[in-house]
C-alpha atoms as a PDB file:
ATOM      1  CA  MET A   1       0.000   0.000   0.000  1.00  0.00           C
ATOM      2  CA  ASN A   2       1.447   3.377  -0.971  1.00  0.00           C
ATOM      3  CA  THR A   3       1.096   6.686   0.864  1.00  0.00           C
ATOM      4  CA  GLN A   4      -1.894   7.916  -1.153  1.00  0.00           C
ATOM      5  CA  GLU A   5      -3.749   4.653  -0.547  1.00  0.00           C
ATOM      6  CA  ARG A   6      -3.063   4.992   3.193  1.00  0.00           C
ATOM      7  CA  VAL A   7      -4.340   8.600   3.134  1.00  0.00           C
ATOM      8  CA  SER A   8      -7.453   7.511   1.231  1.00  0.00           C
ATOM      9  CA  ASN A   9      -8.115   4.680   3.697  1.00  0.00           C
ATOM     10  CA  TYR A  10      -7.564   7.003   6.661  1.00  0.00           C
ATOM     11  CA  VAL A  11     -10.028   9.594   5.307  1.00  0.00           C
ATOM     12  CA  ARG A  12     -12.592   6.866   4.585  1.00  0.00           C
ATOM     13  CA  LEU A  13     -12.252   5.409   8.100  1.00  0.00           C
ATOM     14  CA  ARG A  14     -12.446   8.852   9.703  1.00  0.00           C
ATOM     15  CA  GLU A  15     -15.677   9.589   7.818  1.00  0.00           C
ATOM     16  CA  HIS A  16     -17.075   6.185   8.806  1.00  0.00           C
ATOM     17  CA  LYS A  17     -16.187   6.862  12.462  1.00  0.00           C
ATOM     18  CA  LYS A  18     -17.801  10.318  12.302  1.00  0.00           C
ATOM     19  CA  HIS A  19     -21.062   8.865  10.953  1.00  0.00           C
ATOM     20  CA  ALA A  20     -21.021   5.956  13.418  1.00  0.00           C
ATOM     21  CA  ASP A  21     -20.467   8.349  16.343  1.00  0.00           C
ATOM     22  CA  ALA A  22     -23.371  10.529  15.156  1.00  0.00           C
ATOM     23  CA  GLU A  23     -25.647   7.485  14.789  1.00  0.00           C
ATOM     24  CA  PHE A  24     -24.733   6.262  18.260  1.00  0.00           C
ATOM     25  CA  LYS A  25     -25.336   9.708  19.766  1.00  0.00           C
ATOM     26  CA  LYS A  26     -28.737   9.860  18.081  1.00  0.00           C
ATOM     27  CA  SER A  27     -29.608   6.329  19.228  1.00  0.00           C
ATOM     28  CA  MET A  28     -28.866   7.332  22.824  1.00  0.00           C
ATOM     29  CA  GLU A  29     -31.271  10.304  22.827  1.00  0.00           C
ATOM     30  CA  ARG A  30     -34.257   8.149  23.832  1.00  0.00           C
ATOM     31  CA  VAL A  31     -32.234   6.302  26.462  1.00  0.00           C
ATOM     32  CA  ASN A  32     -30.945   9.563  27.954  1.00  0.00           C
ATOM     33  CA  ALA A  33     -34.443  11.088  27.946  1.00  0.00           C
ATOM     34  CA  ALA A  34     -35.902   8.022  29.676  1.00  0.00           C
ATOM     35  CA  MET A  35     -33.129   8.061  32.286  1.00  0.00           C
ATOM     36  CA  ALA A  36     -33.650  11.793  32.925  1.00  0.00           C
ATOM     37  CA  LYS A  37     -37.378  11.201  33.423  1.00  0.00           C
ATOM     38  CA  LEU A  38     -36.680   8.373  35.877  1.00  0.00           C
ATOM     39  CA  GLU A  39     -34.155  10.550  37.743  1.00  0.00           C
ATOM     40  CA  GLY A  40     -36.847  13.203  38.193  1.00  0.00           C
ATOM     41  CA  GLU A  41     -39.322  10.644  39.474  1.00  0.00           C
ATOM     42  CA  LEU A  42     -36.720   9.134  41.818  1.00  0.00           C
ATOM     43  CA  MET A  43     -35.910  12.619  43.156  1.00  0.00           C
ATOM     44  CA  LYS A  44     -39.629  13.046  43.950  1.00  0.00           C
ATOM     45  CA  ASP A  45     -39.637   9.640  45.703  1.00  0.00           C
ATOM     46  CA  ILE A  46     -36.658  10.598  47.854  1.00  0.00           C
ATOM     47  CA  LYS A  47     -38.166  14.002  48.665  1.00  0.00           C
ATOM     48  CA  ALA A  48     -41.451  12.355  49.659  1.00  0.00           C
ATOM     49  CA  SER A  49     -39.571   9.974  51.971  1.00  0.00           C
ATOM     50  CA  GLY A  50     -37.954  12.895  53.798  1.00  0.00           C
ATOM     51  CA  GLY A  51     -34.519  11.331  53.521  1.00  0.00           C
ATOM     52  CA  ASP A  52     -31.464  11.411  51.277  1.00  0.00           C
ATOM     53  CA  SER A  53     -31.693   7.869  49.916  1.00  0.00           C
ATOM     54  CA  LEU A  54     -33.946   4.896  49.372  1.00  0.00           C
ATOM     55  CA  SER A  55     -32.872   1.301  49.039  1.00  0.00           C
ATOM     56  CA  GLY A  56     -34.483  -1.974  48.157  1.00  0.00           C
ATOM     57  CA  PRO A  57     -33.792  -5.259  46.396  1.00  0.00           C
ATOM     58  CA  SER A  58     -33.320  -3.515  43.014  1.00  0.00           C
ATOM     59  CA  GLY A  59     -30.712  -1.108  44.305  1.00  0.00           C
ATOM     60  CA  THR A  60     -30.180   2.168  46.121  1.00  0.00           C
ATOM     61  CA  VAL A  61     -31.012   5.663  44.943  1.00  0.00           C
ATOM     62  CA  TYR A  62     -29.377   8.584  46.705  1.00  0.00           C
ATOM     63  CA  THR A  63     -28.811  12.297  46.359  1.00  0.00           C
ATOM     64  CA  SER A  64     -25.476  14.041  46.294  1.00  0.00           C
ATOM     65  CA  ILE A  65     -24.378  17.625  45.800  1.00  0.00           C
ATOM     66  CA  LYS A  66     -22.582  18.562  42.603  1.00  0.00           C
ATOM     67  CA  SER A  67     -20.707  21.862  42.833  1.00  0.00           C
ATOM     68  CA  ASN A  68     -19.488  24.272  40.193  1.00  0.00           C
ATOM     69  CA  ALA A  69     -17.535  27.509  40.614  1.00  0.00           C
ATOM     70  CA  SER A  70     -17.007  29.683  37.558  1.00  0.00           C
ATOM     71  CA  ILE A  71     -15.508  33.149  37.290  1.00  0.00           C
ATOM     72  CA  LYS A  72     -18.043  35.867  36.491  1.00  0.00           C
ATOM     73  CA  ASP A  73     -15.718  38.834  37.211  1.00  0.00           C
ATOM     74  CA  ARG A  74     -12.013  38.051  36.724  1.00  0.00           C
ATOM     75  CA  ASN A  75     -10.739  41.310  38.218  1.00  0.00           C
ATOM     76  CA  ALA A  76     -12.908  41.052  41.347  1.00  0.00           C
ATOM     77  CA  PHE A  77     -11.843  37.443  41.816  1.00  0.00           C
ATOM     78  CA  LEU A  78      -8.115  38.137  41.437  1.00  0.00           C
ATOM     79  CA  THR A  79      -8.356  41.190  43.703  1.00  0.00           C
ATOM     80  CA  PHE A  80      -9.928  38.981  46.387  1.00  0.00           C
ATOM     81  CA  VAL A  81      -7.271  36.280  45.953  1.00  0.00           C
ATOM     82  CA  PHE A  82      -4.319  38.650  46.217  1.00  0.00           C
ATOM     83  CA  GLN A  83      -5.764  40.886  48.958  1.00  0.00           C
ATOM     84  CA  THR A  84      -6.571  37.906  51.163  1.00  0.00           C
ATOM     85  CA  LYS A  85      -3.509  35.893  50.050  1.00  0.00           C
ATOM     86  CA  ASN A  86      -5.907  32.960  49.752  1.00  0.00           C
ATOM     87  CA  LEU A  87      -4.106  31.216  46.883  1.00  0.00           C
ATOM     88  CA  GLU A  88      -5.835  27.904  47.676  1.00  0.00           C
ATOM     89  CA  VAL A  89      -8.927  29.230  45.883  1.00  0.00           C
ATOM     90  CA  LEU A  90      -6.995  29.066  42.583  1.00  0.00           C
ATOM     91  CA  ASP A  91      -6.521  26.076  40.313  1.00  0.00           C
ATOM     92  CA  VAL A  92      -3.048  26.602  38.938  1.00  0.00           C
ATOM     93  CA  ARG A  93      -2.002  25.459  35.488  1.00  0.00           C
ATOM     94  CA  ALA A  94       0.429  26.753  32.953  1.00  0.00           C
ATOM     95  CA  ASN A  95      -0.750  28.482  29.772  1.00  0.00           C
ATOM     96  CA  LYS A  96       0.789  26.178  27.141  1.00  0.00           C
ATOM     97  CA  THR A  97       0.717  28.835  24.407  1.00  0.00           C
ATOM     98  CA  ILE A  98       2.708  31.319  26.491  1.00  0.00           C
ATOM     99  CA  VAL A  99       5.064  28.606  27.790  1.00  0.00           C
ATOM    100  CA  ARG A 100       5.716  27.487  24.185  1.00  0.00           C
ATOM    101  CA  GLU A 101       6.417  31.080  23.110  1.00  0.00           C
ATOM    102  CA  LEU A 102       8.800  31.583  26.042  1.00  0.00           C
ATOM    103  CA  ASN A 103      10.565  28.288  25.275  1.00  0.00           C
ATOM    104  CA  GLN A 104      10.981  29.312  21.632  1.00  0.00           C
ATOM    105  CA  ALA A 105      12.493  32.599  22.841  1.00  0.00           C
ATOM    106  CA  GLY A 106      14.973  30.660  24.992  1.00  0.00           C
ATOM    107  CA  THR A 107      13.293  31.059  28.398  1.00  0.00           C
ATOM    108  CA  VAL A 108      12.557  27.931  30.391  1.00  0.00           C
ATOM    109  CA  VAL A 109       9.645  28.472  32.795  1.00  0.00           C
ATOM    110  CA  PRO A 110      10.648  27.117  36.229  1.00  0.00           C
ATOM    111  CA  GLY A 111       8.412  24.419  37.687  1.00  0.00           C
ATOM    112  CA  VAL A 112       6.740  23.552  34.379  1.00  0.00           C
ATOM    113  CA  ASN A 113       7.179  20.332  32.399  1.00  0.00           C
ATOM    114  CA  TYR A 114       6.651  21.339  28.780  1.00  0.00           C
ATOM    115  CA  THR A 115       6.540  18.653  26.121  1.00  0.00           C
ATOM    116  CA  GLU A 116       5.665  18.563  22.450  1.00  0.00           C
ATOM    117  CA  THR A 117       4.547  15.500  20.539  1.00  0.00           C
ATOM    118  CA  LYS A 118       4.488  15.252  16.765  1.00  0.00           C
ATOM    119  CA  VAL A 119       1.141  13.892  15.599  1.00  0.00           C
ATOM    120  CA  ILE A 120      -0.327  12.999  12.221  1.00  0.00           C
ATOM    121  CA  GLY A 121      -3.005  15.167  10.603  1.00  0.00           C
ATOM    122  CA  VAL A 122      -4.861  14.191   7.417  1.00  0.00           C
ATOM    123  CA  ARG A 123      -6.866  16.531   5.179  1.00  0.00           C
ATOM    124  CA  LYS A 124      -9.317  15.176   2.659  1.00  0.00           C
ATOM    125  CA  GLY A 125      -8.342  15.708  -0.958  1.00  0.00           C
ATOM    126  CA  LYS A 126     -10.387  17.708  -3.416  1.00  0.00           C
END
């Protein structure tokens, strides 16, 4: 098999995978909707019981708290962090674009492991 045949096969498989993923996602819509409906009904059952869980021979249903914290005002948030010195409220990660630019300019950012991996990309022909 030559390079162009490999490219052709890759593009064909990628398209097949894309369609299969879309079909699977569509096939799961009814399942997800049915599960969401049952979750709502189970939440009502738990609420009616006055507790946080219900169990029986089929299994246990319970409630838990899911939390999310997103930044709505970056400046207010950073002012709070630095005024209170409460750095634990931050999730720290390096900005890979800036780290790459600094590395290319000859500056190694202390405390950061920066790696690059060469990967294959394939564009469909015309």
